Amino acid sequence: MSQPVQPPNQPQQPYGGPPADGNPYAGGPGAPAPAAPTGNPYGDQPPAPTGNPYGEQPPAPTGNPFGNPQGQPAPFGGTPFAPAPPARNNLALGVLVAFGAAIVASIVYGVLLGSIEREFGYAAIGVGFLVGFAAAKLGGANPVTIAAAAVFSVGAIYFGQLIGYAMVMADAAQVSFSEVFLDHFDTVTRVWKEDADFMRYLFIALGAIAAIGGAKKAG
């Protein structure tokens, strides 16, 4: 008997069997269905990172970010500045300077009076200020130095005026200054007392006050 001829170009069934329920990729009769995927559909993956994702980092800086790089505390971080140098308080030096300044000032003052041949009272205030300022500037403005400056300024004004009187008397007598000042010192002091008035004593007192003011100004 003859067999029916198969139509040409009949499509072949994939995987060796007819489609099952419309699935062209299903297996043939008796073929087991593929198992459903289980677990991680992406295969074995490395575990998710835990902890700090950036690894070990140095700790954040604390304290003052503008501190001294050598480890010294910054001046604005709460630490006080370096203490100020101690004030001058050399009593012996202050008294010595007051005495030396009084000698120099008395000579200058006396030469000024002898040159102009008249009394210049306001210069006595400058003598006192100079003595007090120099004493306190180098020896410290302590009470003893200030008191010494005031006393020495009075002596400087007094001896300065005596120098001026001796210069005028020596010029009038045509003799040397040393002869009048050393040999006739009592005469010079007597003439000074006879000519002294209220204004002269007032300027001497102002000279002492100026010495106190000069010492405080320097200190």
N, C-alpha and C. Protein backbone atom coordinates (compact mmCIF):
# COMPACT_ATOMS: atom_id res chain seq x y z
N MET A 1 0.85 -1.20 0.00
CA MET A 1 0.00 0.00 0.00
C MET A 1 0.87 1.22 0.00
N SER A 2 0.46 2.17 -0.62
CA SER A 2 1.26 3.41 -0.68
C SER A 2 1.04 4.24 0.56
N GLN A 3 2.08 4.96 1.00
CA GLN A 3 2.04 5.86 2.16
C GLN A 3 1.75 7.26 1.69
N PRO A 4 1.06 8.01 2.50
CA PRO A 4 0.81 9.42 2.12
C PRO A 4 2.10 10.21 2.12
N VAL A 5 2.19 11.02 1.16
CA VAL A 5 3.41 11.83 1.00
C VAL A 5 3.32 13.00 1.97
N GLN A 6 4.40 13.19 2.70
CA GLN A 6 4.47 14.35 3.64
C GLN A 6 4.66 15.62 2.86
N PRO A 7 4.01 16.67 3.29
CA PRO A 7 4.20 17.95 2.59
C PRO A 7 5.64 18.42 2.75
N PRO A 8 6.13 19.05 1.71
CA PRO A 8 7.54 19.50 1.78
C PRO A 8 7.71 20.64 2.78
N ASN A 9 8.96 20.79 3.28
CA ASN A 9 9.38 21.88 4.18
C ASN A 9 8.53 21.97 5.43
N GLN A 10 8.19 20.77 5.93
CA GLN A 10 7.45 20.77 7.20
C GLN A 10 8.37 21.21 8.32
N PRO A 11 7.95 22.14 9.09
CA PRO A 11 8.87 22.65 10.15
C PRO A 11 9.16 21.59 11.17
N GLN A 12 10.39 21.52 11.52
CA GLN A 12 10.83 20.56 12.52
C GLN A 12 10.54 21.10 13.90
N GLN A 13 10.13 20.20 14.77
CA GLN A 13 9.85 20.62 16.13
C GLN A 13 11.16 20.72 16.91
N PRO A 14 11.35 21.82 17.58
CA PRO A 14 12.61 21.93 18.38
C PRO A 14 12.57 20.97 19.54
N TYR A 15 13.73 20.54 19.89
CA TYR A 15 13.96 19.66 21.03
C TYR A 15 13.25 18.33 20.87
N GLY A 16 12.94 17.96 19.59
CA GLY A 16 12.47 16.61 19.32
C GLY A 16 11.05 16.34 19.67
N GLY A 17 10.16 17.27 19.77
CA GLY A 17 8.77 16.96 20.09
C GLY A 17 7.86 18.09 19.70
N PRO A 18 6.55 17.81 19.66
CA PRO A 18 5.59 18.85 19.31
C PRO A 18 5.47 19.84 20.43
N PRO A 19 4.96 21.00 20.09
CA PRO A 19 4.80 22.01 21.14
C PRO A 19 3.76 21.56 22.14
N ALA A 20 3.96 21.95 23.36
CA ALA A 20 3.03 21.58 24.43
C ALA A 20 2.36 22.83 24.93
N ASP A 21 1.04 22.83 24.77
CA ASP A 21 0.22 23.94 25.26
C ASP A 21 0.67 25.26 24.67
N GLY A 22 1.07 25.25 23.45
CA GLY A 22 1.44 26.51 22.82
C GLY A 22 2.84 26.98 23.10
N ASN A 23 3.59 26.25 23.89
CA ASN A 23 4.98 26.66 24.19
C ASN A 23 5.88 25.97 23.21
N PRO A 24 6.44 26.70 22.28
CA PRO A 24 7.30 26.04 21.28
C PRO A 24 8.58 25.52 21.86
N TYR A 25 8.93 25.95 23.09
CA TYR A 25 10.21 25.52 23.66
C TYR A 25 10.03 24.45 24.70
N ALA A 26 8.80 24.03 24.85
CA ALA A 26 8.59 22.98 25.86
C ALA A 26 9.13 21.66 25.38
N GLY A 27 9.40 20.80 26.30
CA GLY A 27 9.94 19.48 25.94
C GLY A 27 8.89 18.58 25.37
N GLY A 28 9.35 17.51 24.81
CA GLY A 28 8.45 16.56 24.24
C GLY A 28 7.72 15.77 25.30
N PRO A 29 6.89 14.82 24.83
CA PRO A 29 6.14 14.02 25.82
C PRO A 29 7.09 13.22 26.67
N GLY A 30 6.86 13.27 27.95
CA GLY A 30 7.70 12.52 28.88
C GLY A 30 8.93 13.24 29.33
N ALA A 31 9.23 14.42 28.69
CA ALA A 31 10.43 15.19 29.11
C ALA A 31 10.10 16.01 30.33
N PRO A 32 10.95 16.00 31.34
CA PRO A 32 10.64 16.79 32.55
C PRO A 32 10.73 18.28 32.28
N ALA A 33 9.82 18.98 32.92
CA ALA A 33 9.83 20.45 32.77
C ALA A 33 11.02 21.03 33.51
N PRO A 34 11.56 22.10 32.95
CA PRO A 34 12.73 22.73 33.65
C PRO A 34 12.29 23.27 34.99
N ALA A 35 13.17 23.08 35.95
CA ALA A 35 12.86 23.53 37.32
C ALA A 35 12.87 25.05 37.39
N ALA A 36 12.02 25.54 38.24
CA ALA A 36 11.95 27.00 38.43
C ALA A 36 13.21 27.48 39.12
N PRO A 37 13.68 28.61 38.72
CA PRO A 37 14.92 29.11 39.35
C PRO A 37 14.67 29.39 40.83
N THR A 38 15.65 29.04 41.62
CA THR A 38 15.60 29.30 43.07
C THR A 38 16.84 30.07 43.48
N GLY A 39 16.78 30.71 44.70
CA GLY A 39 17.95 31.43 45.23
C GLY A 39 18.17 32.75 44.51
N ASN A 40 19.41 33.15 44.42
CA ASN A 40 19.78 34.44 43.81
C ASN A 40 19.79 34.29 42.31
N PRO A 41 18.90 34.99 41.60
CA PRO A 41 18.89 34.82 40.13
C PRO A 41 20.14 35.33 39.46
N TYR A 42 20.96 36.07 40.17
CA TYR A 42 22.18 36.61 39.57
C TYR A 42 23.40 35.82 39.94
N GLY A 43 23.21 34.65 40.43
CA GLY A 43 24.37 33.82 40.77
C GLY A 43 25.03 34.29 42.05
N ASP A 44 26.16 33.72 42.35
CA ASP A 44 26.89 34.10 43.55
C ASP A 44 27.50 35.49 43.37
N GLN A 45 27.10 36.41 44.23
CA GLN A 45 27.61 37.78 44.22
C GLN A 45 28.36 38.01 45.53
N PRO A 46 29.35 38.89 45.50
CA PRO A 46 30.05 39.20 46.77
C PRO A 46 29.08 39.86 47.75
N PRO A 47 29.25 39.59 49.04
CA PRO A 47 28.34 40.17 50.04
C PRO A 47 28.42 41.70 50.02
N ALA A 48 27.29 42.28 50.37
CA ALA A 48 27.24 43.75 50.40
C ALA A 48 28.21 44.27 51.45
N PRO A 49 28.86 45.38 51.14
CA PRO A 49 29.84 45.92 52.12
C PRO A 49 29.14 46.36 53.39
N THR A 50 29.81 46.18 54.48
CA THR A 50 29.31 46.59 55.79
C THR A 50 30.32 47.53 56.43
N GLY A 51 29.86 48.30 57.43
CA GLY A 51 30.78 49.20 58.12
C GLY A 51 31.01 50.46 57.31
N ASN A 52 32.21 51.01 57.40
CA ASN A 52 32.56 52.25 56.70
C ASN A 52 32.91 51.92 55.26
N PRO A 53 32.13 52.40 54.28
CA PRO A 53 32.45 52.05 52.87
C PRO A 53 33.73 52.68 52.38
N TYR A 54 34.28 53.62 53.12
CA TYR A 54 35.51 54.28 52.68
C TYR A 54 36.74 53.77 53.41
N GLY A 55 36.59 52.67 54.10
CA GLY A 55 37.76 52.11 54.78
C GLY A 55 38.15 52.93 55.99
N GLU A 56 39.28 52.63 56.53
CA GLU A 56 39.77 53.33 57.72
C GLU A 56 40.22 54.74 57.34
N GLN A 57 39.63 55.73 57.97
CA GLN A 57 39.99 57.12 57.74
C GLN A 57 40.56 57.71 59.03
N PRO A 58 41.46 58.63 58.91
CA PRO A 58 41.98 59.27 60.15
C PRO A 58 40.86 60.02 60.85
N PRO A 59 40.92 60.08 62.17
CA PRO A 59 39.86 60.79 62.91
C PRO A 59 39.82 62.26 62.56
N ALA A 60 38.65 62.81 62.64
CA ALA A 60 38.48 64.24 62.34
C ALA A 60 39.26 65.08 63.34
N PRO A 61 39.83 66.15 62.87
CA PRO A 61 40.61 67.00 63.80
C PRO A 61 39.70 67.63 64.83
N THR A 62 40.22 67.78 66.02
CA THR A 62 39.49 68.42 67.12
C THR A 62 40.29 69.60 67.62
N GLY A 63 39.63 70.44 68.40
CA GLY A 63 40.34 71.58 68.96
C GLY A 63 40.42 72.72 67.96
N ASN A 64 41.39 73.54 68.10
CA ASN A 64 41.55 74.72 67.25
C ASN A 64 42.26 74.34 65.96
N PRO A 65 41.60 74.45 64.77
CA PRO A 65 42.30 74.07 63.53
C PRO A 65 43.44 74.98 63.17
N PHE A 66 43.54 76.13 63.83
CA PHE A 66 44.62 77.08 63.55
C PHE A 66 45.69 77.04 64.62
N GLY A 67 45.81 75.94 65.32
CA GLY A 67 46.78 75.83 66.40
C GLY A 67 48.21 75.84 65.89
N ASN A 68 49.12 75.91 66.80
CA ASN A 68 50.54 75.92 66.47
C ASN A 68 50.95 74.55 65.92
N PRO A 69 51.59 74.46 64.75
CA PRO A 69 51.98 73.14 64.21
C PRO A 69 52.99 72.42 65.08
N GLN A 70 53.69 73.08 65.93
CA GLN A 70 54.65 72.41 66.81
C GLN A 70 53.99 71.87 68.05
N GLY A 71 52.67 71.96 68.13
CA GLY A 71 51.99 71.42 69.29
C GLY A 71 51.75 72.43 70.38
N GLN A 72 52.18 73.67 70.15
CA GLN A 72 51.97 74.68 71.16
C GLN A 72 50.53 75.18 71.06
N PRO A 73 49.92 75.56 72.18
CA PRO A 73 48.55 76.04 72.13
C PRO A 73 48.45 77.34 71.37
N ALA A 74 47.38 77.45 70.61
CA ALA A 74 47.17 78.67 69.83
C ALA A 74 46.80 79.82 70.74
N PRO A 75 47.16 81.04 70.36
CA PRO A 75 46.87 82.17 71.24
C PRO A 75 45.40 82.46 71.39
N PHE A 76 44.54 81.98 70.42
CA PHE A 76 43.13 82.24 70.51
C PHE A 76 42.35 81.01 70.95
N GLY A 77 43.02 79.98 71.41
CA GLY A 77 42.35 78.77 71.83
C GLY A 77 42.07 78.73 73.31
N GLY A 78 42.14 79.83 74.00
CA GLY A 78 41.86 79.83 75.42
C GLY A 78 43.11 79.95 76.28
N THR A 79 44.29 79.78 75.67
CA THR A 79 45.53 79.90 76.43
C THR A 79 45.97 81.35 76.48
N PRO A 80 46.27 81.90 77.63
CA PRO A 80 46.67 83.32 77.70
C PRO A 80 47.99 83.56 77.01
N PHE A 81 48.22 84.81 76.67
CA PHE A 81 49.47 85.19 76.03
C PHE A 81 50.62 85.10 77.03
N ALA A 82 51.82 85.22 76.50
CA ALA A 82 52.99 85.19 77.38
C ALA A 82 52.93 86.35 78.35
N PRO A 83 53.30 86.13 79.59
CA PRO A 83 53.22 87.21 80.58
C PRO A 83 54.13 88.36 80.22
N ALA A 84 53.70 89.55 80.57
CA ALA A 84 54.49 90.75 80.30
C ALA A 84 55.74 90.75 81.18
N PRO A 85 56.82 91.35 80.68
CA PRO A 85 58.03 91.39 81.50
C PRO A 85 57.79 92.15 82.79
N PRO A 86 58.44 91.75 83.85
CA PRO A 86 58.21 92.42 85.14
C PRO A 86 58.63 93.87 85.09
N ALA A 87 57.91 94.68 85.84
CA ALA A 87 58.20 96.11 85.86
C ALA A 87 59.54 96.37 86.56
N ARG A 88 60.17 97.46 86.12
CA ARG A 88 61.44 97.81 86.74
C ARG A 88 61.20 98.24 88.18
N ASN A 89 62.01 97.76 89.07
CA ASN A 89 61.86 98.12 90.48
C ASN A 89 63.21 98.07 91.16
N ASN A 90 64.20 98.75 90.57
CA ASN A 90 65.54 98.80 91.13
C ASN A 90 65.66 100.07 91.94
N LEU A 91 65.50 99.93 93.24
CA LEU A 91 65.47 101.10 94.12
C LEU A 91 66.80 101.85 94.11
N ALA A 92 67.91 101.10 94.25
CA ALA A 92 69.22 101.76 94.31
C ALA A 92 69.52 102.49 93.01
N LEU A 93 69.19 101.86 91.88
CA LEU A 93 69.44 102.51 90.59
C LEU A 93 68.59 103.76 90.44
N GLY A 94 67.33 103.70 90.88
CA GLY A 94 66.46 104.86 90.76
C GLY A 94 66.96 106.05 91.56
N VAL A 95 67.41 105.79 92.79
CA VAL A 95 67.93 106.88 93.63
C VAL A 95 69.22 107.45 93.03
N LEU A 96 70.08 106.55 92.55
CA LEU A 96 71.34 107.01 91.96
C LEU A 96 71.10 107.85 90.71
N VAL A 97 70.17 107.41 89.88
CA VAL A 97 69.86 108.19 88.67
C VAL A 97 69.25 109.53 89.04
N ALA A 98 68.39 109.56 90.04
CA ALA A 98 67.80 110.83 90.48
C ALA A 98 68.87 111.80 90.96
N PHE A 99 69.85 111.27 91.70
CA PHE A 99 70.93 112.13 92.18
C PHE A 99 71.78 112.66 91.02
N GLY A 100 72.14 111.78 90.09
CA GLY A 100 72.94 112.22 88.95
C GLY A 100 72.20 113.21 88.07
N ALA A 101 70.91 112.95 87.84
CA ALA A 101 70.13 113.88 87.03
C ALA A 101 69.99 115.23 87.72
N ALA A 102 69.90 115.23 89.05
CA ALA A 102 69.80 116.49 89.78
C ALA A 102 71.08 117.31 89.64
N ILE A 103 72.24 116.65 89.67
CA ILE A 103 73.50 117.38 89.52
C ILE A 103 73.60 118.01 88.14
N VAL A 104 73.29 117.21 87.12
CA VAL A 104 73.37 117.73 85.75
C VAL A 104 72.38 118.87 85.54
N ALA A 105 71.14 118.66 86.03
CA ALA A 105 70.12 119.69 85.83
C ALA A 105 70.46 120.97 86.58
N SER A 106 71.04 120.85 87.78
CA SER A 106 71.39 122.07 88.53
C SER A 106 72.48 122.87 87.83
N ILE A 107 73.45 122.19 87.22
CA ILE A 107 74.52 122.89 86.50
C ILE A 107 73.95 123.62 85.29
N VAL A 108 73.11 122.90 84.53
CA VAL A 108 72.51 123.52 83.34
C VAL A 108 71.63 124.70 83.73
N TYR A 109 70.85 124.52 84.78
CA TYR A 109 69.97 125.58 85.25
C TYR A 109 70.77 126.79 85.74
N GLY A 110 71.84 126.53 86.49
CA GLY A 110 72.66 127.63 86.99
C GLY A 110 73.36 128.38 85.89
N VAL A 111 73.89 127.67 84.90
CA VAL A 111 74.54 128.34 83.77
C VAL A 111 73.54 129.20 83.00
N LEU A 112 72.31 128.69 82.87
CA LEU A 112 71.28 129.47 82.18
C LEU A 112 70.98 130.77 82.94
N LEU A 113 70.82 130.67 84.27
CA LEU A 113 70.54 131.87 85.06
C LEU A 113 71.71 132.85 85.02
N GLY A 114 72.94 132.34 85.13
CA GLY A 114 74.11 133.22 85.10
C GLY A 114 74.32 133.87 83.76
N SER A 115 73.91 133.19 82.68
CA SER A 115 74.11 133.75 81.34
C SER A 115 73.14 134.87 81.05
N ILE A 116 71.88 134.69 81.44
CA ILE A 116 70.89 135.73 81.15
C ILE A 116 70.80 136.75 82.28
N GLU A 117 71.46 136.45 83.42
CA GLU A 117 71.51 137.34 84.59
C GLU A 117 70.13 137.73 85.10
N ARG A 118 69.25 136.76 85.05
CA ARG A 118 67.93 136.97 85.63
C ARG A 118 67.35 135.61 86.00
N GLU A 119 66.41 135.64 86.90
CA GLU A 119 65.81 134.39 87.36
C GLU A 119 64.71 133.97 86.40
N PHE A 120 64.75 132.69 86.05
CA PHE A 120 63.77 132.11 85.13
C PHE A 120 63.05 131.00 85.88
N GLY A 121 61.94 131.36 86.51
CA GLY A 121 61.27 130.43 87.42
C GLY A 121 60.72 129.19 86.76
N TYR A 122 60.18 129.32 85.54
CA TYR A 122 59.57 128.15 84.90
C TYR A 122 60.60 127.08 84.55
N ALA A 123 61.86 127.48 84.46
CA ALA A 123 62.89 126.47 84.22
C ALA A 123 63.02 125.53 85.41
N ALA A 124 62.64 125.99 86.62
CA ALA A 124 62.69 125.12 87.79
C ALA A 124 61.72 123.95 87.65
N ILE A 125 60.59 124.18 87.02
CA ILE A 125 59.63 123.09 86.79
C ILE A 125 60.23 122.06 85.85
N GLY A 126 60.93 122.53 84.82
CA GLY A 126 61.59 121.59 83.90
C GLY A 126 62.67 120.78 84.58
N VAL A 127 63.39 121.38 85.53
CA VAL A 127 64.42 120.64 86.28
C VAL A 127 63.78 119.51 87.07
N GLY A 128 62.70 119.81 87.79
CA GLY A 128 62.03 118.77 88.57
C GLY A 128 61.49 117.65 87.70
N PHE A 129 60.88 118.00 86.59
CA PHE A 129 60.33 116.97 85.69
C PHE A 129 61.43 116.07 85.15
N LEU A 130 62.54 116.67 84.76
CA LEU A 130 63.65 115.89 84.22
C LEU A 130 64.21 114.91 85.26
N VAL A 131 64.36 115.35 86.49
CA VAL A 131 64.89 114.48 87.54
C VAL A 131 63.94 113.32 87.81
N GLY A 132 62.66 113.61 87.95
CA GLY A 132 61.70 112.54 88.23
C GLY A 132 61.54 111.57 87.09
N PHE A 133 61.52 112.07 85.87
CA PHE A 133 61.35 111.20 84.71
C PHE A 133 62.53 110.25 84.55
N ALA A 134 63.75 110.78 84.66
CA ALA A 134 64.94 109.94 84.50
C ALA A 134 65.03 108.88 85.59
N ALA A 135 64.70 109.25 86.83
CA ALA A 135 64.79 108.30 87.93
C ALA A 135 63.81 107.15 87.76
N ALA A 136 62.57 107.46 87.41
CA ALA A 136 61.56 106.42 87.26
C ALA A 136 61.76 105.60 85.99
N LYS A 137 62.30 106.22 84.96
CA LYS A 137 62.49 105.50 83.69
C LYS A 137 63.52 104.39 83.84
N LEU A 138 64.53 104.61 84.64
CA LEU A 138 65.60 103.62 84.78
C LEU A 138 65.48 102.80 86.06
N GLY A 139 64.89 103.36 87.09
CA GLY A 139 64.84 102.64 88.36
C GLY A 139 63.48 102.18 88.79
N GLY A 140 62.41 102.57 88.07
CA GLY A 140 61.07 102.17 88.46
C GLY A 140 60.38 103.24 89.27
N ALA A 141 59.08 103.34 89.07
CA ALA A 141 58.30 104.38 89.73
C ALA A 141 57.77 103.88 91.07
N ASN A 142 58.69 103.51 91.96
CA ASN A 142 58.27 103.12 93.31
C ASN A 142 58.27 104.35 94.21
N PRO A 143 57.58 104.30 95.34
CA PRO A 143 57.45 105.50 96.18
C PRO A 143 58.78 106.08 96.65
N VAL A 144 59.74 105.23 96.94
CA VAL A 144 61.03 105.73 97.42
C VAL A 144 61.74 106.51 96.32
N THR A 145 61.72 105.97 95.12
CA THR A 145 62.36 106.68 94.00
C THR A 145 61.68 108.01 93.72
N ILE A 146 60.35 108.03 93.78
CA ILE A 146 59.61 109.28 93.53
C ILE A 146 59.94 110.31 94.61
N ALA A 147 59.98 109.86 95.87
CA ALA A 147 60.31 110.79 96.95
C ALA A 147 61.73 111.33 96.80
N ALA A 148 62.66 110.45 96.45
CA ALA A 148 64.05 110.89 96.25
C ALA A 148 64.15 111.88 95.11
N ALA A 149 63.41 111.64 94.03
CA ALA A 149 63.43 112.55 92.90
C ALA A 149 62.90 113.93 93.30
N ALA A 150 61.84 113.95 94.12
CA ALA A 150 61.29 115.23 94.56
C ALA A 150 62.29 116.01 95.43
N VAL A 151 62.95 115.30 96.36
CA VAL A 151 63.93 115.96 97.23
C VAL A 151 65.13 116.45 96.43
N PHE A 152 65.63 115.60 95.53
CA PHE A 152 66.80 115.98 94.74
C PHE A 152 66.47 117.13 93.78
N SER A 153 65.23 117.19 93.31
CA SER A 153 64.87 118.30 92.42
C SER A 153 64.88 119.63 93.16
N VAL A 154 64.44 119.61 94.44
CA VAL A 154 64.52 120.84 95.24
C VAL A 154 65.97 121.29 95.41
N GLY A 155 66.85 120.32 95.71
CA GLY A 155 68.26 120.65 95.84
C GLY A 155 68.87 121.12 94.54
N ALA A 156 68.41 120.51 93.41
CA ALA A 156 68.95 120.93 92.11
C ALA A 156 68.56 122.36 91.80
N ILE A 157 67.33 122.72 92.10
CA ILE A 157 66.88 124.09 91.84
C ILE A 157 67.64 125.08 92.73
N TYR A 158 67.80 124.72 93.99
CA TYR A 158 68.49 125.61 94.92
C TYR A 158 69.95 125.83 94.51
N PHE A 159 70.68 124.73 94.28
CA PHE A 159 72.09 124.87 93.89
C PHE A 159 72.23 125.49 92.51
N GLY A 160 71.29 125.26 91.64
CA GLY A 160 71.33 125.91 90.33
C GLY A 160 71.24 127.41 90.45
N GLN A 161 70.37 127.88 91.34
CA GLN A 161 70.27 129.32 91.54
C GLN A 161 71.53 129.89 92.20
N LEU A 162 72.13 129.09 93.11
CA LEU A 162 73.39 129.55 93.70
C LEU A 162 74.50 129.64 92.65
N ILE A 163 74.51 128.70 91.72
CA ILE A 163 75.50 128.76 90.63
C ILE A 163 75.28 130.02 89.80
N GLY A 164 74.02 130.31 89.51
CA GLY A 164 73.73 131.52 88.74
C GLY A 164 74.16 132.78 89.49
N TYR A 165 73.89 132.84 90.80
CA TYR A 165 74.32 134.00 91.60
C TYR A 165 75.84 134.12 91.61
N ALA A 166 76.53 132.99 91.77
CA ALA A 166 77.99 133.04 91.80
C ALA A 166 78.56 133.51 90.48
N MET A 167 77.97 133.11 89.37
CA MET A 167 78.43 133.56 88.07
C MET A 167 78.26 135.08 87.92
N VAL A 168 77.12 135.59 88.36
CA VAL A 168 76.88 137.03 88.25
C VAL A 168 77.84 137.79 89.16
N MET A 169 78.06 137.31 90.38
CA MET A 169 78.96 137.98 91.31
C MET A 169 80.41 137.92 90.83
N ALA A 170 80.81 136.77 90.26
CA ALA A 170 82.18 136.65 89.74
C ALA A 170 82.40 137.59 88.57
N ASP A 171 81.38 137.74 87.73
CA ASP A 171 81.52 138.66 86.59
C ASP A 171 81.58 140.11 87.07
N ALA A 172 80.84 140.43 88.10
CA ALA A 172 80.87 141.80 88.61
C ALA A 172 82.17 142.12 89.33
N ALA A 173 82.74 141.15 90.03
CA ALA A 173 83.99 141.37 90.77
C ALA A 173 85.22 141.07 89.93
N GLN A 174 85.02 140.61 88.71
CA GLN A 174 86.13 140.29 87.81
C GLN A 174 87.06 139.23 88.44
N VAL A 175 86.47 138.23 89.03
CA VAL A 175 87.22 137.11 89.58
C VAL A 175 86.66 135.82 88.99
N SER A 176 87.34 134.75 89.30
CA SER A 176 86.89 133.46 88.76
C SER A 176 85.65 132.96 89.50
N PHE A 177 84.92 132.13 88.80
CA PHE A 177 83.71 131.55 89.38
C PHE A 177 84.06 130.66 90.57
N SER A 178 85.09 129.87 90.45
CA SER A 178 85.46 128.95 91.53
C SER A 178 85.83 129.71 92.80
N GLU A 179 86.46 130.86 92.64
CA GLU A 179 86.83 131.62 93.82
C GLU A 179 85.60 132.13 94.57
N VAL A 180 84.62 132.60 93.81
CA VAL A 180 83.40 133.10 94.46
C VAL A 180 82.59 131.95 95.05
N PHE A 181 82.45 130.86 94.30
CA PHE A 181 81.57 129.77 94.73
C PHE A 181 82.18 128.96 95.87
N LEU A 182 83.51 128.79 95.86
CA LEU A 182 84.14 127.95 96.87
C LEU A 182 84.62 128.78 98.07
N ASP A 183 85.22 129.90 97.79
CA ASP A 183 85.79 130.67 98.88
C ASP A 183 84.76 131.59 99.56
N HIS A 184 83.75 131.98 98.86
CA HIS A 184 82.76 132.91 99.40
C HIS A 184 81.34 132.31 99.26
N PHE A 185 81.25 131.05 99.56
CA PHE A 185 79.96 130.38 99.41
C PHE A 185 78.93 130.95 100.39
N ASP A 186 79.37 131.30 101.60
CA ASP A 186 78.44 131.87 102.56
C ASP A 186 77.88 133.21 102.08
N THR A 187 78.70 133.96 101.38
CA THR A 187 78.22 135.24 100.84
C THR A 187 77.19 135.00 99.75
N VAL A 188 77.43 134.00 98.94
CA VAL A 188 76.47 133.68 97.87
C VAL A 188 75.13 133.27 98.46
N THR A 189 75.13 132.40 99.47
CA THR A 189 73.87 131.97 100.09
C THR A 189 73.16 133.13 100.79
N ARG A 190 73.91 134.05 101.40
CA ARG A 190 73.30 135.18 102.08
C ARG A 190 72.61 136.11 101.09
N VAL A 191 73.25 136.35 99.95
CA VAL A 191 72.64 137.19 98.93
C VAL A 191 71.39 136.52 98.36
N TRP A 192 71.47 135.20 98.21
CA TRP A 192 70.30 134.47 97.68
C TRP A 192 69.11 134.61 98.64
N LYS A 193 69.34 134.48 99.93
CA LYS A 193 68.26 134.61 100.90
C LYS A 193 67.68 136.02 100.92
N GLU A 194 68.53 137.00 100.77
CA GLU A 194 68.04 138.38 100.78
C GLU A 194 67.15 138.67 99.58
N ASP A 195 67.44 138.04 98.45
CA ASP A 195 66.66 138.28 97.23
C ASP A 195 65.45 137.34 97.09
N ALA A 196 65.40 136.33 97.95
CA ALA A 196 64.32 135.34 97.81
C ALA A 196 62.98 135.97 98.14
N ASP A 197 61.95 135.61 97.35
CA ASP A 197 60.59 136.08 97.60
C ASP A 197 59.63 134.90 97.50
N PHE A 198 58.36 135.22 97.57
CA PHE A 198 57.35 134.16 97.55
C PHE A 198 57.37 133.37 96.25
N MET A 199 57.53 134.03 95.12
CA MET A 199 57.53 133.36 93.83
C MET A 199 58.70 132.39 93.69
N ARG A 200 59.84 132.73 94.29
CA ARG A 200 60.99 131.84 94.21
C ARG A 200 60.69 130.53 94.95
N TYR A 201 60.14 130.63 96.13
CA TYR A 201 59.80 129.42 96.88
C TYR A 201 58.66 128.64 96.21
N LEU A 202 57.78 129.37 95.58
CA LEU A 202 56.69 128.70 94.86
C LEU A 202 57.22 127.86 93.71
N PHE A 203 58.16 128.39 92.94
CA PHE A 203 58.71 127.62 91.81
C PHE A 203 59.54 126.44 92.30
N ILE A 204 60.16 126.59 93.46
CA ILE A 204 60.88 125.43 94.01
C ILE A 204 59.89 124.33 94.37
N ALA A 205 58.76 124.70 94.96
CA ALA A 205 57.73 123.71 95.28
C ALA A 205 57.13 123.09 94.02
N LEU A 206 56.94 123.92 93.01
CA LEU A 206 56.42 123.39 91.74
C LEU A 206 57.42 122.45 91.08
N GLY A 207 58.69 122.71 91.29
CA GLY A 207 59.70 121.79 90.76
C GLY A 207 59.61 120.42 91.40
N ALA A 208 59.34 120.37 92.72
CA ALA A 208 59.17 119.09 93.39
C ALA A 208 57.93 118.36 92.89
N ILE A 209 56.85 119.12 92.68
CA ILE A 209 55.63 118.51 92.14
C ILE A 209 55.86 118.01 90.72
N ALA A 210 56.63 118.76 89.94
CA ALA A 210 56.93 118.32 88.59
C ALA A 210 57.77 117.05 88.58
N ALA A 211 58.63 116.87 89.59
CA ALA A 211 59.41 115.64 89.68
C ALA A 211 58.50 114.44 89.92
N ILE A 212 57.50 114.61 90.77
CA ILE A 212 56.52 113.51 90.99
C ILE A 212 55.75 113.20 89.71
N GLY A 213 55.33 114.26 89.03
CA GLY A 213 54.61 114.04 87.76
C GLY A 213 55.48 113.39 86.71
N GLY A 214 56.76 113.78 86.63
CA GLY A 214 57.65 113.15 85.66
C GLY A 214 57.90 111.68 85.97
N ALA A 215 57.99 111.35 87.26
CA ALA A 215 58.19 109.94 87.64
C ALA A 215 56.97 109.10 87.28
N LYS A 216 55.78 109.61 87.52
CA LYS A 216 54.57 108.87 87.17
C LYS A 216 54.40 108.76 85.67
N LYS A 217 54.83 109.79 84.95
CA LYS A 217 54.75 109.75 83.50
C LYS A 217 55.67 108.67 82.93
N ALA A 218 56.84 108.54 83.49
CA ALA A 218 57.78 107.53 83.01
C ALA A 218 57.36 106.13 83.42
N GLY A 219 56.71 106.00 84.59
CA GLY A 219 56.31 104.68 85.07
C GLY A 219 55.04 104.18 84.43
